[in-house]
Amino acid sequence: MTHVADAQIGINYRVTTLDMNNSNLKHRLRALGCIEGCQLQVHQKGLFKGPCTININGQHISIRHCDACKICLEHCYE
């Protein structure tokens, strides 16, 4: 299991948990389709712990590094 901040760019992953305390951010991510079981790809990672851009269902979403560390992923082989 890995986190968005540690994931490789361009590899397909499946979200296992959203382990964040910020309920507003968690609600917003779920509204954008980032729910447990969804597939995503890391599109871009910023330097020096900058923001990460993820691709979910064709949408590019940028999140802070500290929030990316709280989204747990597993490899998706489909």
Protein backbone atom coordinates (compact mmCIF):
# COMPACT_ATOMS: atom_id res chain seq x y z
CA MET A 1 0.00 0.00 0.00
CA THR A 2 1.26 3.46 -0.89
CA HIS A 3 0.12 7.07 -0.70
CA VAL A 4 -0.55 9.52 -3.54
CA ALA A 5 2.56 11.50 -2.56
CA ASP A 6 4.73 8.37 -2.95
CA ALA A 7 3.02 6.92 -6.05
CA GLN A 8 4.67 6.74 -9.46
CA ILE A 9 3.47 9.02 -12.22
CA GLY A 10 1.30 7.38 -14.90
CA ILE A 11 0.60 4.10 -13.05
CA ASN A 12 -3.00 3.03 -12.38
CA TYR A 13 -3.94 2.83 -8.71
CA ARG A 14 -7.10 2.12 -6.73
CA VAL A 15 -8.04 4.22 -3.69
CA THR A 16 -8.29 2.12 -0.52
CA THR A 17 -8.87 4.79 2.14
CA LEU A 18 -9.21 8.54 2.57
CA ASP A 19 -7.61 8.94 5.99
CA MET A 20 -7.95 12.70 6.47
CA ASN A 21 -9.28 14.75 9.35
CA ASN A 22 -10.49 17.66 7.20
CA SER A 23 -14.13 16.72 6.59
CA ASN A 24 -14.63 19.55 4.06
CA LEU A 25 -11.77 18.30 1.88
CA LYS A 26 -12.93 14.69 2.21
CA HIS A 27 -16.46 15.71 1.15
CA ARG A 28 -15.09 17.74 -1.78
CA LEU A 29 -12.88 14.88 -3.01
CA ARG A 30 -15.78 12.46 -2.81
CA ALA A 31 -17.98 14.88 -4.75
CA LEU A 32 -15.30 14.95 -7.47
CA GLY A 33 -15.26 11.14 -7.64
CA CYS A 34 -12.33 10.31 -5.35
CA ILE A 35 -14.01 7.57 -3.32
CA GLU A 36 -12.81 4.25 -1.98
CA GLY A 37 -12.47 1.81 -4.87
CA CYS A 38 -12.09 4.39 -7.65
CA GLN A 39 -9.14 4.29 -10.02
CA LEU A 40 -6.71 7.17 -10.38
CA GLN A 41 -3.36 8.10 -11.86
CA VAL A 42 -0.84 10.56 -10.53
CA HIS A 43 -0.38 13.07 -13.33
CA GLN A 44 2.21 15.41 -11.82
CA LYS A 45 4.09 15.93 -8.55
CA GLY A 46 5.52 19.25 -7.43
CA LEU A 47 9.09 19.71 -6.30
CA PHE A 48 10.00 20.13 -2.65
CA LYS A 49 6.73 18.62 -1.38
CA GLY A 50 4.62 20.74 -3.69
CA PRO A 51 1.07 19.89 -4.79
CA CYS A 52 0.21 16.66 -6.61
CA THR A 53 -2.11 16.51 -9.60
CA ILE A 54 -4.19 13.35 -9.91
CA ASN A 55 -6.41 12.16 -12.74
CA ILE A 56 -9.79 10.69 -11.77
CA ASN A 57 -12.24 9.86 -14.56
CA GLY A 58 -10.60 12.39 -16.88
CA GLN A 59 -10.56 15.18 -14.29
CA HIS A 60 -7.29 16.66 -13.10
CA ILE A 61 -7.41 17.55 -9.41
CA SER A 62 -4.53 19.23 -7.55
CA ILE A 63 -4.10 18.58 -3.85
CA ARG A 64 -1.53 19.64 -1.27
CA HIS A 65 1.31 17.26 -0.43
CA CYS A 66 0.14 16.86 3.18
CA ASP A 67 -3.33 15.81 1.93
CA ALA A 68 -1.83 13.50 -0.71
CA CYS A 69 -0.04 11.66 2.11
CA LYS A 70 -3.44 10.74 3.58
CA ILE A 71 -4.91 9.04 0.49
CA CYS A 72 -3.94 5.35 0.55
CA LEU A 73 -3.61 3.47 -2.73
CA GLU A 74 -2.98 -0.02 -4.07
CA HIS A 75 -1.83 -1.08 -7.54
CA CYS A 76 -4.64 -1.66 -10.01
CA TYR A 77 -3.84 -4.37 -12.55
CA GLU A 78 -7.03 -4.05 -14.63
